């Protein structure tokens, strides 16, 4: 029975990925003008939040242990982005848990408790997660000023301990993007909990 459930789960994940193929490096984002409600009560789009050099988007949530391990670095990433002309948006796409611990009110409480210094947005019905192929919380997408995808994957190589990080994937990608240099590692494996997205 356990094996049967496992294969059913794999089938569901595969079907979701097939229905919503991932945005590939070099491809241009769509839905950049779509307005999303933020925990501050203001509705904004990705285009509103883009810096002169681009935008980093992180699919996130309130409860995933991988997010809880990494999110203390979110404000640092935001400031690093600002210093390199890159904006930041964090999206909660967990549609299936929207009536519980991923509700907008829970997002507001979480953002306040964690001292978020960046827009935390509700991705209604997992619209952007499905459009971009976001898979995990967290899952990072870095776009240039023309909304072409230049990096996607993990924040760095250690969610448990910031001081033990050896490879700062996202920060390095932001720095190279701002300097107009090629990004040596443009894709890494996202590590986290699966997004509880709305399925077709």
Protein backbone atom coordinates (compact mmCIF):
# COMPACT_ATOMS: atom_id res chain seq x y z
CA UNK A 1 0.00 0.00 0.00
CA UNK A 2 2.83 2.37 0.87
CA UNK A 3 4.48 1.72 -2.51
CA UNK A 4 1.20 2.39 -4.29
CA UNK A 5 0.78 5.74 -2.53
CA UNK A 6 4.36 6.67 -3.40
CA UNK A 7 3.77 5.99 -7.10
CA UNK A 8 0.49 7.91 -7.02
CA UNK A 9 2.40 10.86 -5.52
CA UNK A 10 5.10 10.65 -8.20
CA UNK A 11 2.45 10.54 -10.90
CA UNK A 12 0.72 13.63 -9.49
CA UNK A 13 4.01 15.55 -9.32
CA UNK A 14 4.94 14.51 -12.87
CA UNK A 15 1.50 15.51 -14.16
CA UNK A 16 1.78 18.92 -12.50
CA UNK A 17 5.18 19.52 -14.07
CA UNK A 18 3.92 18.43 -17.47
CA UNK A 19 0.93 20.78 -17.21
CA UNK A 20 3.13 23.68 -16.11
CA UNK A 21 6.57 23.41 -17.75
CA UNK A 22 9.36 25.31 -16.08
CA UNK A 23 10.66 28.59 -17.45
CA UNK A 24 14.12 27.93 -18.88
CA UNK A 25 17.24 30.06 -18.64
CA UNK A 26 17.13 32.77 -21.31
CA UNK A 27 13.34 32.69 -21.63
CA UNK A 28 11.25 35.75 -20.88
CA UNK A 29 8.75 35.88 -18.03
CA UNK A 30 5.10 36.59 -18.64
CA UNK A 31 2.47 37.91 -16.21
CA UNK A 32 4.90 40.62 -15.12
CA UNK A 33 2.04 43.17 -14.99
CA UNK A 34 -0.24 40.93 -12.89
CA UNK A 35 -1.16 42.68 -9.65
CA UNK A 36 -0.78 40.69 -6.42
CA UNK A 37 -1.88 41.67 -2.92
CA UNK A 38 0.95 42.24 -0.48
CA UNK A 39 0.90 41.89 3.30
CA UNK A 40 1.03 45.69 3.45
CA UNK A 41 -2.33 45.86 1.69
CA UNK A 42 -0.94 47.33 -1.52
CA UNK A 43 -1.28 45.41 -4.78
CA UNK A 44 1.86 45.38 -6.92
CA UNK A 45 3.24 43.58 -9.97
CA UNK A 46 6.68 42.18 -10.66
CA UNK A 47 7.25 45.07 -13.04
CA UNK A 48 6.52 47.52 -10.21
CA UNK A 49 9.24 45.89 -8.10
CA UNK A 50 11.96 45.45 -10.71
CA UNK A 51 15.20 47.35 -10.19
CA UNK A 52 17.30 48.91 -12.92
CA UNK A 53 19.18 45.63 -13.38
CA UNK A 54 16.42 43.13 -12.73
CA UNK A 55 14.41 41.28 -10.12
CA UNK A 56 14.86 38.32 -7.81
CA UNK A 57 11.68 36.36 -7.13
CA UNK A 58 11.46 33.76 -4.38
CA UNK A 59 8.57 31.34 -4.05
CA UNK A 60 8.18 30.93 -0.29
CA UNK A 61 5.65 30.25 2.48
CA UNK A 62 5.11 30.46 6.25
CA UNK A 63 5.73 26.94 7.44
CA UNK A 64 8.22 24.91 5.39
CA UNK A 65 11.31 24.00 7.48
CA UNK A 66 13.57 24.84 4.54
CA UNK A 67 12.07 28.35 4.38
CA UNK A 68 12.42 28.70 8.14
CA UNK A 69 16.09 27.78 7.77
CA UNK A 70 16.78 30.19 4.91
CA UNK A 71 14.47 33.13 5.54
CA UNK A 72 16.76 34.85 8.04
CA UNK A 73 18.86 35.56 4.94
CA UNK A 74 15.98 37.10 2.97
CA UNK A 75 16.54 40.64 4.22
CA UNK A 76 20.25 40.33 3.46
CA UNK A 77 19.41 39.18 -0.07
CA UNK A 78 17.03 42.13 -0.43
CA UNK A 79 19.73 44.59 0.61
CA UNK A 80 22.31 42.87 -1.60
CA UNK A 81 19.88 43.20 -4.48
CA UNK A 82 19.27 46.89 -3.81
CA UNK A 83 23.02 47.57 -3.77
CA UNK A 84 23.22 45.92 -7.19
CA UNK A 85 20.12 47.50 -8.72
CA UNK A 86 18.00 44.37 -8.39
CA UNK A 87 14.51 44.40 -6.86
CA UNK A 88 12.95 41.59 -4.85
CA UNK A 89 9.58 39.91 -4.49
CA UNK A 90 8.61 36.94 -2.31
CA UNK A 91 5.49 35.02 -3.35
CA UNK A 92 3.32 32.61 -1.41
CA UNK A 93 1.73 30.20 -3.89
CA UNK A 94 0.40 27.58 -1.44
CA UNK A 95 -3.19 27.73 -2.73
CA UNK A 96 -4.25 24.44 -1.14
CA UNK A 97 -3.47 25.79 2.34
CA UNK A 98 -4.94 29.26 1.80
CA UNK A 99 -7.69 28.72 4.38
CA UNK A 100 -5.14 27.70 7.03
CA UNK A 101 -1.57 28.58 7.86
CA UNK A 102 -0.87 30.07 4.41
CA UNK A 103 -3.76 32.56 4.51
CA UNK A 104 -3.15 36.24 3.87
CA UNK A 105 -3.68 37.02 7.55
CA UNK A 106 -1.14 34.34 8.49
CA UNK A 107 1.27 35.80 5.92
CA UNK A 108 0.90 39.23 7.55
CA UNK A 109 1.64 37.80 10.99
CA UNK A 110 4.61 35.85 9.69
CA UNK A 111 6.10 38.83 7.85
CA UNK A 112 5.80 41.00 10.94
CA UNK A 113 7.26 38.36 13.25
CA UNK A 114 10.23 37.81 10.93
CA UNK A 115 10.80 41.49 10.17
CA UNK A 116 10.42 41.16 6.42
CA UNK A 117 11.77 44.26 4.63
CA UNK A 118 10.49 43.33 1.17
CA UNK A 119 7.10 42.76 -0.50
CA UNK A 120 5.51 39.44 0.53
CA UNK A 121 2.82 38.71 -2.03
CA UNK A 122 -0.12 36.33 -2.35
CA UNK A 123 0.11 34.42 -5.62
CA UNK A 124 -3.63 33.92 -6.21
CA UNK A 125 -4.46 30.39 -7.36
CA UNK A 126 -0.70 29.72 -7.84
CA UNK A 127 -0.85 31.73 -11.06
CA UNK A 128 2.82 32.70 -11.22
CA UNK A 129 4.09 29.45 -9.72
CA UNK A 130 2.34 27.60 -12.53
CA UNK A 131 3.49 30.07 -15.19
CA UNK A 132 7.17 29.91 -14.15
CA UNK A 133 7.30 26.29 -13.01
CA UNK A 134 8.08 27.09 -9.38
CA UNK A 135 8.53 23.78 -7.59
CA UNK A 136 9.63 24.29 -4.00
CA UNK A 137 9.65 26.67 -1.08
CA UNK A 138 12.01 28.31 -1.46
CA UNK A 139 12.65 28.38 -5.23
CA UNK A 140 14.56 31.33 -6.65
CA UNK A 141 14.13 32.96 -10.07
CA UNK A 142 16.46 35.83 -11.03
CA UNK A 143 15.50 37.98 -14.02
CA UNK A 144 17.44 40.66 -15.86
CA UNK A 145 16.03 44.10 -16.67
CA UNK A 146 14.17 42.65 -19.67
CA UNK A 147 12.65 39.87 -17.54
CA UNK A 148 14.78 37.19 -19.14
CA UNK A 149 15.60 34.41 -16.69
CA UNK A 150 19.32 34.33 -15.83
CA UNK A 151 19.37 32.11 -12.72
CA UNK A 152 17.04 29.66 -10.99
CA UNK A 153 17.42 27.22 -8.13
CA UNK A 154 18.58 27.42 -4.53
CA UNK A 155 19.66 30.44 -2.49
CA UNK A 156 22.93 28.85 -1.42
CA UNK A 157 24.25 25.42 -0.42
CA UNK A 158 23.31 25.30 3.28
CA UNK A 159 19.82 26.13 4.56
CA UNK A 160 20.65 25.06 8.11
CA UNK A 161 23.60 27.30 8.87
CA UNK A 162 24.45 30.57 7.14
CA UNK A 163 28.00 30.59 8.49
CA UNK A 164 28.67 27.21 6.84
CA UNK A 165 27.69 28.30 3.32
CA UNK A 166 30.38 27.63 0.74
CA UNK A 167 28.53 28.60 -2.43
CA UNK A 168 26.40 31.76 -2.49
CA UNK A 169 24.55 30.90 -5.69
CA UNK A 170 22.02 33.73 -5.66
CA UNK A 171 24.25 36.50 -4.34
CA UNK A 172 26.93 35.62 -6.88
CA UNK A 173 24.37 35.58 -9.69
CA UNK A 174 23.02 39.01 -8.64
CA UNK A 175 26.54 40.44 -8.53
CA UNK A 176 27.42 39.06 -11.96
CA UNK A 177 24.12 40.27 -13.42
CA UNK A 178 24.73 43.81 -12.16
CA UNK A 179 28.28 43.78 -13.51
CA UNK A 180 27.16 42.56 -16.91
CA UNK A 181 29.15 39.34 -16.54
CA UNK A 182 28.03 35.83 -17.54
CA UNK A 183 26.58 33.83 -14.66
CA UNK A 184 28.82 30.80 -14.32
CA UNK A 185 26.24 28.64 -12.53
CA UNK A 186 22.88 29.66 -13.95
CA UNK A 187 20.88 26.75 -12.54
CA UNK A 188 21.00 24.73 -9.33
CA UNK A 189 18.64 22.18 -7.84
CA UNK A 190 15.89 23.80 -5.74
CA UNK A 191 15.71 22.38 -2.24
CA UNK A 192 12.56 22.66 -0.15
CA UNK A 193 8.94 21.63 0.34
CA UNK A 194 6.73 21.19 -2.71
CA UNK A 195 4.46 24.12 -3.50
CA UNK A 196 0.86 23.30 -2.56
CA UNK A 197 -0.32 24.78 -5.81
CA UNK A 198 -3.73 24.92 -7.42
CA UNK A 199 -3.91 22.08 -9.90
CA UNK A 200 -5.93 22.14 -13.13
